C-alpha cells in the first residue's frame, strides 16, 4: 500500500498547481520525451507544428525545433514518464 502524502508534499503540490493554473499568457505549451525535462514551446506555432507532423517524417520535438518554437525547459526532481492512454 502506498503511503499518503505528507503535509509538506501536499503543500508543494497545491502551490505548484496554483502556479500552473495562472500562466502569464496562453503562449506556453509543454511536452516531455520521458526524462526529467518538460520542454516549453511556443503554442502560437501549434498549427505550423501540426502541419509539419502531417507532412514530414519528424517527431513532435523535431517539428518544434523546425519552427524555432522551443522556449525553454522545466527540470523536475524525478522522471516525467511519457505515456499514452
Foldseek 3Di string as FASTA:
>chain_A
DDDDDDPVRVVVVVVVVVDVVDDPDPQWDWDDPWFQKIWTWGCVCVVQLVVCVVPDPDDSVVSRVVVVTTDGIDGHPGTDGDDDD
